[in-house]
């Protein structure tokens, strides 16, 4: 369940990063508004899976940690591969 929450967090921030002005040209598949909505929905789903994995107290802490890890990995990957 923790690995699933991590994958969801990575997907959330990948969508949010691809909706930003700097990286929106990399993927023309989905409209920018839908990328943002999908990213925010995946952020909420990350918290749901983190709460399911760790419970109410550690789920909040783990959810924020997974979101920070997902944000860092997504933005690092996009910025290091920029042309």
PDB file of N, CA and C in Angstrom:
ATOM      1  N   UNK A   1       0.827  -1.186   0.000  1.00  0.00           N
ATOM      2  CA  UNK A   1       0.000   0.000   0.000  1.00  0.00           C
ATOM      3  C   UNK A   1       0.879   1.262   0.000  1.00  0.00           C
ATOM      4  N   UNK A   2       2.021   1.198   0.683  1.00  0.00           N
ATOM      5  CA  UNK A   2       2.927   2.341   0.713  1.00  0.00           C
ATOM      6  C   UNK A   2       3.526   2.581  -0.671  1.00  0.00           C
ATOM      7  N   UNK A   3       3.887   1.499  -1.351  1.00  0.00           N
ATOM      8  CA  UNK A   3       4.436   1.638  -2.706  1.00  0.00           C
ATOM      9  C   UNK A   3       3.392   2.225  -3.656  1.00  0.00           C
ATOM     10  N   UNK A   4       2.152   1.837  -3.481  1.00  0.00           N
ATOM     11  CA  UNK A   4       1.077   2.395  -4.295  1.00  0.00           C
ATOM     12  C   UNK A   4       0.915   3.894  -4.034  1.00  0.00           C
ATOM     13  N   UNK A   5       0.988   4.285  -2.767  1.00  0.00           N
ATOM     14  CA  UNK A   5       0.895   5.707  -2.428  1.00  0.00           C
ATOM     15  C   UNK A   5       2.059   6.486  -3.028  1.00  0.00           C
ATOM     16  N   UNK A   6       3.247   5.895  -3.053  1.00  0.00           N
ATOM     17  CA  UNK A   6       4.396   6.560  -3.658  1.00  0.00           C
ATOM     18  C   UNK A   6       4.208   6.726  -5.161  1.00  0.00           C
ATOM     19  N   UNK A   7       3.721   5.697  -5.822  1.00  0.00           N
ATOM     20  CA  UNK A   7       3.481   5.797  -7.262  1.00  0.00           C
ATOM     21  C   UNK A   7       2.410   6.842  -7.584  1.00  0.00           C
ATOM     22  N   UNK A   8       1.391   6.917  -6.748  1.00  0.00           N
ATOM     23  CA  UNK A   8       0.342   7.915  -6.951  1.00  0.00           C
ATOM     24  C   UNK A   8       0.910   9.315  -6.751  1.00  0.00           C
ATOM     25  N   UNK A   9       1.771   9.501  -5.741  1.00  0.00           N
ATOM     26  CA  UNK A   9       2.389  10.808  -5.505  1.00  0.00           C
ATOM     27  C   UNK A   9       3.291  11.200  -6.673  1.00  0.00           C
ATOM     28  N   UNK A  10       4.035  10.242  -7.212  1.00  0.00           N
ATOM     29  CA  UNK A  10       4.872  10.535  -8.376  1.00  0.00           C
ATOM     30  C   UNK A  10       4.019  10.944  -9.578  1.00  0.00           C
ATOM     31  N   UNK A  11       2.926  10.239  -9.798  1.00  0.00           N
ATOM     32  CA  UNK A  11       2.029  10.584 -10.893  1.00  0.00           C
ATOM     33  C   UNK A  11       1.373  11.933 -10.691  1.00  0.00           C
ATOM     34  N   UNK A  12       1.023  12.249  -9.442  1.00  0.00           N
ATOM     35  CA  UNK A  12       0.381  13.530  -9.159  1.00  0.00           C
ATOM     36  C   UNK A  12       1.287  14.686  -9.529  1.00  0.00           C
ATOM     37  N   UNK A  13       2.525  14.620  -9.090  1.00  0.00           N
ATOM     38  CA  UNK A  13       3.406  15.741  -9.369  1.00  0.00           C
ATOM     39  C   UNK A  13       3.959  15.720 -10.780  1.00  0.00           C
ATOM     40  N   UNK A  14       3.943  14.571 -11.418  1.00  0.00           N
ATOM     41  CA  UNK A  14       4.290  14.560 -12.842  1.00  0.00           C
ATOM     42  C   UNK A  14       3.218  15.302 -13.632  1.00  0.00           C
ATOM     43  N   UNK A  15       1.955  15.063 -13.311  1.00  0.00           N
ATOM     44  CA  UNK A  15       0.872  15.788 -13.991  1.00  0.00           C
ATOM     45  C   UNK A  15       0.896  17.274 -13.666  1.00  0.00           C
ATOM     46  N   UNK A  16       1.134  17.616 -12.399  1.00  0.00           N
ATOM     47  CA  UNK A  16       1.181  19.028 -12.036  1.00  0.00           C
ATOM     48  C   UNK A  16       2.375  19.729 -12.676  1.00  0.00           C
ATOM     49  N   UNK A  17       3.490  19.042 -12.782  1.00  0.00           N
ATOM     50  CA  UNK A  17       4.659  19.643 -13.426  1.00  0.00           C
ATOM     51  C   UNK A  17       4.428  19.818 -14.916  1.00  0.00           C
ATOM     52  N   UNK A  18       3.782  18.841 -15.541  1.00  0.00           N
ATOM     53  CA  UNK A  18       3.506  18.951 -16.966  1.00  0.00           C
ATOM     54  C   UNK A  18       2.411  19.980 -17.269  1.00  0.00           C
ATOM     55  N   UNK A  19       1.726  20.446 -16.248  1.00  0.00           N
ATOM     56  CA  UNK A  19       0.739  21.510 -16.432  1.00  0.00           C
ATOM     57  C   UNK A  19       1.356  22.892 -16.219  1.00  0.00           C
ATOM     58  N   UNK A  20       2.595  22.950 -15.750  1.00  0.00           N
ATOM     59  CA  UNK A  20       3.234  24.239 -15.513  1.00  0.00           C
ATOM     60  C   UNK A  20       3.648  24.887 -16.828  1.00  0.00           C
ATOM     61  N   UNK A  21       3.872  26.182 -16.782  1.00  0.00           N
ATOM     62  CA  UNK A  21       4.237  26.915 -17.994  1.00  0.00           C
ATOM     63  C   UNK A  21       5.568  26.450 -18.566  1.00  0.00           C
ATOM     64  N   UNK A  22       6.460  26.047 -17.710  1.00  0.00           N
ATOM     65  CA  UNK A  22       7.800  25.668 -18.159  1.00  0.00           C
ATOM     66  C   UNK A  22       7.832  24.315 -18.873  1.00  0.00           C
ATOM     67  N   UNK A  23       6.978  23.391 -18.471  1.00  0.00           N
ATOM     68  CA  UNK A  23       7.048  22.030 -19.003  1.00  0.00           C
ATOM     69  C   UNK A  23       5.822  21.605 -19.800  1.00  0.00           C
ATOM     70  N   UNK A  24       4.876  22.497 -20.053  1.00  0.00           N
ATOM     71  CA  UNK A  24       3.642  22.098 -20.721  1.00  0.00           C
ATOM     72  C   UNK A  24       3.862  21.682 -22.167  1.00  0.00           C
ATOM     73  N   UNK A  25       4.950  22.086 -22.782  1.00  0.00           N
ATOM     74  CA  UNK A  25       5.214  21.744 -24.175  1.00  0.00           C
ATOM     75  C   UNK A  25       5.681  20.297 -24.356  1.00  0.00           C
ATOM     76  N   UNK A  26       5.993  19.614 -23.284  1.00  0.00           N
ATOM     77  CA  UNK A  26       6.525  18.254 -23.376  1.00  0.00           C
ATOM     78  C   UNK A  26       5.477  17.201 -23.698  1.00  0.00           C
ATOM     79  N   UNK A  27       4.227  17.488 -23.414  1.00  0.00           N
ATOM     80  CA  UNK A  27       3.180  16.486 -23.618  1.00  0.00           C
ATOM     81  C   UNK A  27       1.918  17.186 -24.097  1.00  0.00           C
ATOM     82  N   UNK A  28       1.501  16.871 -25.290  1.00  0.00           N
ATOM     83  CA  UNK A  28       0.326  17.515 -25.879  1.00  0.00           C
ATOM     84  C   UNK A  28      -0.921  16.639 -25.792  1.00  0.00           C
ATOM     85  N   UNK A  29      -0.881  15.560 -25.039  1.00  0.00           N
ATOM     86  CA  UNK A  29      -1.974  14.607 -25.017  1.00  0.00           C
ATOM     87  C   UNK A  29      -3.237  15.101 -24.338  1.00  0.00           C
ATOM     88  N   UNK A  30      -3.111  15.753 -23.204  1.00  0.00           N
ATOM     89  CA  UNK A  30      -4.270  16.165 -22.410  1.00  0.00           C
ATOM     90  C   UNK A  30      -4.204  17.680 -22.199  1.00  0.00           C
ATOM     91  N   UNK A  31      -5.353  18.323 -22.142  1.00  0.00           N
ATOM     92  CA  UNK A  31      -5.430  19.755 -21.896  1.00  0.00           C
ATOM     93  C   UNK A  31      -4.826  20.089 -20.530  1.00  0.00           C
ATOM     94  N   UNK A  32      -4.281  21.288 -20.413  1.00  0.00           N
ATOM     95  CA  UNK A  32      -3.589  21.695 -19.191  1.00  0.00           C
ATOM     96  C   UNK A  32      -4.527  21.710 -17.989  1.00  0.00           C
ATOM     97  N   UNK A  33      -5.749  22.145 -18.170  1.00  0.00           N
ATOM     98  CA  UNK A  33      -6.702  22.173 -17.051  1.00  0.00           C
ATOM     99  C   UNK A  33      -6.970  20.761 -16.528  1.00  0.00           C
ATOM    100  N   UNK A  34      -7.046  19.784 -17.429  1.00  0.00           N
ATOM    101  CA  UNK A  34      -7.272  18.404 -16.992  1.00  0.00           C
ATOM    102  C   UNK A  34      -6.048  17.831 -16.310  1.00  0.00           C
ATOM    103  N   UNK A  35      -4.857  18.252 -16.703  1.00  0.00           N
ATOM    104  CA  UNK A  35      -3.642  17.806 -16.013  1.00  0.00           C
ATOM    105  C   UNK A  35      -3.634  18.301 -14.582  1.00  0.00           C
ATOM    106  N   UNK A  36      -4.018  19.573 -14.401  1.00  0.00           N
ATOM    107  CA  UNK A  36      -4.058  20.123 -13.039  1.00  0.00           C
ATOM    108  C   UNK A  36      -5.106  19.419 -12.187  1.00  0.00           C
ATOM    109  N   UNK A  37      -6.290  19.214 -12.745  1.00  0.00           N
ATOM    110  CA  UNK A  37      -7.350  18.529 -11.986  1.00  0.00           C
ATOM    111  C   UNK A  37      -6.948  17.105 -11.645  1.00  0.00           C
ATOM    112  N   UNK A  38      -6.354  16.422 -12.605  1.00  0.00           N
ATOM    113  CA  UNK A  38      -5.893  15.055 -12.356  1.00  0.00           C
ATOM    114  C   UNK A  38      -4.792  15.004 -11.320  1.00  0.00           C
ATOM    115  N   UNK A  39      -3.877  15.958 -11.382  1.00  0.00           N
ATOM    116  CA  UNK A  39      -2.801  16.015 -10.388  1.00  0.00           C
ATOM    117  C   UNK A  39      -3.328  16.265  -8.992  1.00  0.00           C
ATOM    118  N   UNK A  40      -4.278  17.181  -8.862  1.00  0.00           N
ATOM    119  CA  UNK A  40      -4.853  17.460  -7.545  1.00  0.00           C
ATOM    120  C   UNK A  40      -5.676  16.284  -7.030  1.00  0.00           C
ATOM    121  N   UNK A  41      -6.355  15.588  -7.921  1.00  0.00           N
ATOM    122  CA  UNK A  41      -7.095  14.392  -7.504  1.00  0.00           C
ATOM    123  C   UNK A  41      -6.130  13.309  -7.024  1.00  0.00           C
ATOM    124  N   UNK A  42      -4.986  13.180  -7.692  1.00  0.00           N
ATOM    125  CA  UNK A  42      -4.005  12.189  -7.260  1.00  0.00           C
ATOM    126  C   UNK A  42      -3.337  12.585  -5.945  1.00  0.00           C
ATOM    127  N   UNK A  43      -3.206  13.878  -5.685  1.00  0.00           N
ATOM    128  CA  UNK A  43      -2.692  14.321  -4.379  1.00  0.00           C
ATOM    129  C   UNK A  43      -3.642  13.871  -3.278  1.00  0.00           C
ATOM    130  N   UNK A  44      -4.933  14.061  -3.490  1.00  0.00           N
ATOM    131  CA  UNK A  44      -5.921  13.616  -2.503  1.00  0.00           C
ATOM    132  C   UNK A  44      -5.897  12.094  -2.350  1.00  0.00           C
ATOM    133  N   UNK A  45      -5.736  11.384  -3.461  1.00  0.00           N
ATOM    134  CA  UNK A  45      -5.680   9.928  -3.403  1.00  0.00           C
ATOM    135  C   UNK A  45      -4.425   9.440  -2.685  1.00  0.00           C
ATOM    136  N   UNK A  46      -3.338  10.209  -2.762  1.00  0.00           N
ATOM    137  CA  UNK A  46      -2.130   9.866  -2.016  1.00  0.00           C
ATOM    138  C   UNK A  46      -2.410   9.870  -0.523  1.00  0.00           C
ATOM    139  N   UNK A  47      -3.148  10.874  -0.052  1.00  0.00           N
ATOM    140  CA  UNK A  47      -3.485  10.919   1.365  1.00  0.00           C
ATOM    141  C   UNK A  47      -4.397   9.764   1.763  1.00  0.00           C
ATOM    142  N   UNK A  48      -5.327   9.416   0.914  1.00  0.00           N
ATOM    143  CA  UNK A  48      -6.239   8.305   1.224  1.00  0.00           C
ATOM    144  C   UNK A  48      -5.447   7.006   1.360  1.00  0.00           C
ATOM    145  N   UNK A  49      -4.531   6.743   0.432  1.00  0.00           N
ATOM    146  CA  UNK A  49      -3.757   5.501   0.510  1.00  0.00           C
ATOM    147  C   UNK A  49      -2.753   5.543   1.657  1.00  0.00           C
ATOM    148  N   UNK A  50      -2.206   6.720   1.965  1.00  0.00           N
ATOM    149  CA  UNK A  50      -1.292   6.818   3.106  1.00  0.00           C
ATOM    150  C   UNK A  50      -2.037   6.573   4.414  1.00  0.00           C
ATOM    151  N   UNK A  51      -3.241   7.098   4.531  1.00  0.00           N
ATOM    152  CA  UNK A  51      -4.047   6.842   5.733  1.00  0.00           C
ATOM    153  C   UNK A  51      -4.413   5.365   5.827  1.00  0.00           C
ATOM    154  N   UNK A  52      -4.681   4.738   4.695  1.00  0.00           N
ATOM    155  CA  UNK A  52      -5.010   3.315   4.707  1.00  0.00           C
ATOM    156  C   UNK A  52      -3.802   2.474   5.079  1.00  0.00           C
ATOM    157  N   UNK A  53      -2.615   2.921   4.714  1.00  0.00           N
ATOM    158  CA  UNK A  53      -1.408   2.148   4.988  1.00  0.00           C
ATOM    159  C   UNK A  53      -0.914   2.334   6.420  1.00  0.00           C
ATOM    160  N   UNK A  54      -0.929   3.578   6.920  1.00  0.00           N
ATOM    161  CA  UNK A  54      -0.303   3.861   8.206  1.00  0.00           C
ATOM    162  C   UNK A  54      -1.268   4.235   9.317  1.00  0.00           C
ATOM    163  N   UNK A  55      -2.503   4.466   9.024  1.00  0.00           N
ATOM    164  CA  UNK A  55      -3.444   4.877  10.052  1.00  0.00           C
ATOM    165  C   UNK A  55      -3.567   6.387  10.112  1.00  0.00           C
ATOM    166  N   UNK A  56      -4.372   6.883  11.059  1.00  0.00           N
ATOM    167  CA  UNK A  56      -4.693   8.313  11.077  1.00  0.00           C
ATOM    168  C   UNK A  56      -3.537   9.227  11.468  1.00  0.00           C
ATOM    169  N   UNK A  57      -2.668   8.804  12.382  1.00  0.00           N
ATOM    170  CA  UNK A  57      -1.594   9.686  12.842  1.00  0.00           C
ATOM    171  C   UNK A  57      -0.415   9.648  11.887  1.00  0.00           C
ATOM    172  N   UNK A  58       0.129   8.472  11.656  1.00  0.00           N
ATOM    173  CA  UNK A  58       1.290   8.353  10.792  1.00  0.00           C
ATOM    174  C   UNK A  58       0.933   8.490   9.318  1.00  0.00           C
ATOM    175  N   UNK A  59      -0.327   8.318   8.992  1.00  0.00           N
ATOM    176  CA  UNK A  59      -0.765   8.488   7.607  1.00  0.00           C
ATOM    177  C   UNK A  59      -0.597   9.915   7.121  1.00  0.00           C
ATOM    178  N   UNK A  60      -0.899  10.880   7.987  1.00  0.00           N
ATOM    179  CA  UNK A  60      -0.723  12.286   7.609  1.00  0.00           C
ATOM    180  C   UNK A  60       0.755  12.611   7.425  1.00  0.00           C
ATOM    181  N   UNK A  61       1.582  12.130   8.343  1.00  0.00           N
ATOM    182  CA  UNK A  61       3.022  12.370   8.241  1.00  0.00           C
ATOM    183  C   UNK A  61       3.592  11.668   7.013  1.00  0.00           C
ATOM    184  N   UNK A  62       3.221  10.425   6.823  1.00  0.00           N
ATOM    185  CA  UNK A  62       3.701   9.677   5.665  1.00  0.00           C
ATOM    186  C   UNK A  62       3.183  10.232   4.356  1.00  0.00           C
ATOM    187  N   UNK A  63       1.942  10.708   4.352  1.00  0.00           N
ATOM    188  CA  UNK A  63       1.376  11.298   3.143  1.00  0.00           C
ATOM    189  C   UNK A  63       2.135  12.539   2.709  1.00  0.00           C
ATOM    190  N   UNK A  64       2.434  13.414   3.673  1.00  0.00           N
ATOM    191  CA  UNK A  64       3.214  14.603   3.327  1.00  0.00           C
ATOM    192  C   UNK A  64       4.622  14.227   2.881  1.00  0.00           C
ATOM    193  N   UNK A  65       5.210  13.244   3.524  1.00  0.00           N
ATOM    194  CA  UNK A  65       6.546  12.795   3.116  1.00  0.00           C
ATOM    195  C   UNK A  65       6.556  12.226   1.708  1.00  0.00           C
ATOM    196  N   UNK A  66       5.568  11.414   1.398  1.00  0.00           N
ATOM    197  CA  UNK A  66       5.484  10.854   0.047  1.00  0.00           C
ATOM    198  C   UNK A  66       5.232  11.937  -0.996  1.00  0.00           C
ATOM    199  N   UNK A  67       4.423  12.932  -0.646  1.00  0.00           N
ATOM    200  CA  UNK A  67       4.191  14.030  -1.581  1.00  0.00           C
ATOM    201  C   UNK A  67       5.465  14.837  -1.813  1.00  0.00           C
ATOM    202  N   UNK A  68       6.244  15.061  -0.760  1.00  0.00           N
ATOM    203  CA  UNK A  68       7.503  15.784  -0.934  1.00  0.00           C
ATOM    204  C   UNK A  68       8.486  14.981  -1.781  1.00  0.00           C
ATOM    205  N   UNK A  69       8.536  13.684  -1.553  1.00  0.00           N
ATOM    206  CA  UNK A  69       9.408  12.824  -2.355  1.00  0.00           C
ATOM    207  C   UNK A  69       8.953  12.795  -3.806  1.00  0.00           C
ATOM    208  N   UNK A  70       7.650  12.695  -4.031  1.00  0.00           N
ATOM    209  CA  UNK A  70       7.119  12.707  -5.388  1.00  0.00           C
ATOM    210  C   UNK A  70       7.377  14.027  -6.098  1.00  0.00           C
ATOM    211  N   UNK A  71       7.225  15.126  -5.383  1.00  0.00           N
ATOM    212  CA  UNK A  71       7.476  16.439  -5.982  1.00  0.00           C
ATOM    213  C   UNK A  71       8.941  16.593  -6.346  1.00  0.00           C
ATOM    214  N   UNK A  72       9.811  16.220  -5.441  1.00  0.00           N
ATOM    215  CA  UNK A  72      11.242  16.340  -5.714  1.00  0.00           C
ATOM    216  C   UNK A  72      11.686  15.477  -6.874  1.00  0.00           C
ATOM    217  N   UNK A  73      11.221  14.246  -6.914  1.00  0.00           N
ATOM    218  CA  UNK A  73      11.620  13.337  -7.993  1.00  0.00           C
ATOM    219  C   UNK A  73      11.076  13.795  -9.337  1.00  0.00           C
ATOM    220  N   UNK A  74       9.838  14.240  -9.373  1.00  0.00           N
ATOM    221  CA  UNK A  74       9.242  14.680 -10.635  1.00  0.00           C
ATOM    222  C   UNK A  74       9.916  15.929 -11.182  1.00  0.00           C
ATOM    223  N   UNK A  75      10.097  16.925 -10.330  1.00  0.00           N
ATOM    224  CA  UNK A  75      10.701  18.147 -10.817  1.00  0.00           C
ATOM    225  C   UNK A  75      12.183  17.971 -11.134  1.00  0.00           C
ATOM    226  N   UNK A  76      12.881  17.123 -10.379  1.00  0.00           N
ATOM    227  CA  UNK A  76      14.271  16.832 -10.716  1.00  0.00           C
ATOM    228  C   UNK A  76      14.370  16.143 -12.069  1.00  0.00           C
ATOM    229  N   UNK A  77      13.517  15.171 -12.291  1.00  0.00           N
ATOM    230  CA  UNK A  77      13.551  14.439 -13.568  1.00  0.00           C
ATOM    231  C   UNK A  77      13.234  15.362 -14.741  1.00  0.00           C
ATOM    232  N   UNK A  78      12.269  16.243 -14.575  1.00  0.00           N
ATOM    233  CA  UNK A  78      11.913  17.150 -15.664  1.00  0.00           C
ATOM    234  C   UNK A  78      12.990  18.210 -15.893  1.00  0.00           C
ATOM    235  N   UNK A  79      13.594  18.709 -14.831  1.00  0.00           N
ATOM    236  CA  UNK A  79      14.597  19.765 -15.001  1.00  0.00           C
ATOM    237  C   UNK A  79      15.939  19.222 -15.467  1.00  0.00           C
ATOM    238  N   UNK A  80      16.274  18.009 -15.113  1.00  0.00           N
ATOM    239  CA  UNK A  80      17.548  17.437 -15.553  1.00  0.00           C
ATOM    240  C   UNK A  80      17.496  16.963 -17.000  1.00  0.00           C
ATOM    241  N   UNK A  81      16.310  16.734 -17.523  1.00  0.00           N
ATOM    242  CA  UNK A  81      16.178  16.275 -18.906  1.00  0.00           C
ATOM    243  C   UNK A  81      15.716  17.394 -19.828  1.00  0.00           C
ATOM    244  N   UNK A  82      15.763  18.629 -19.350  1.00  0.00           N
ATOM    245  CA  UNK A  82      15.324  19.754 -20.194  1.00  0.00           C
ATOM    246  C   UNK A  82      16.339  20.016 -21.283  1.00  0.00           C
ATOM    247  N   UNK A  83      15.826  20.400 -22.447  1.00  0.00           N
ATOM    248  CA  UNK A  83      16.719  20.690 -23.574  1.00  0.00           C
ATOM    249  C   UNK A  83      17.407  22.000 -23.426  1.00  0.00           C
TER     250      UNK A  83
END
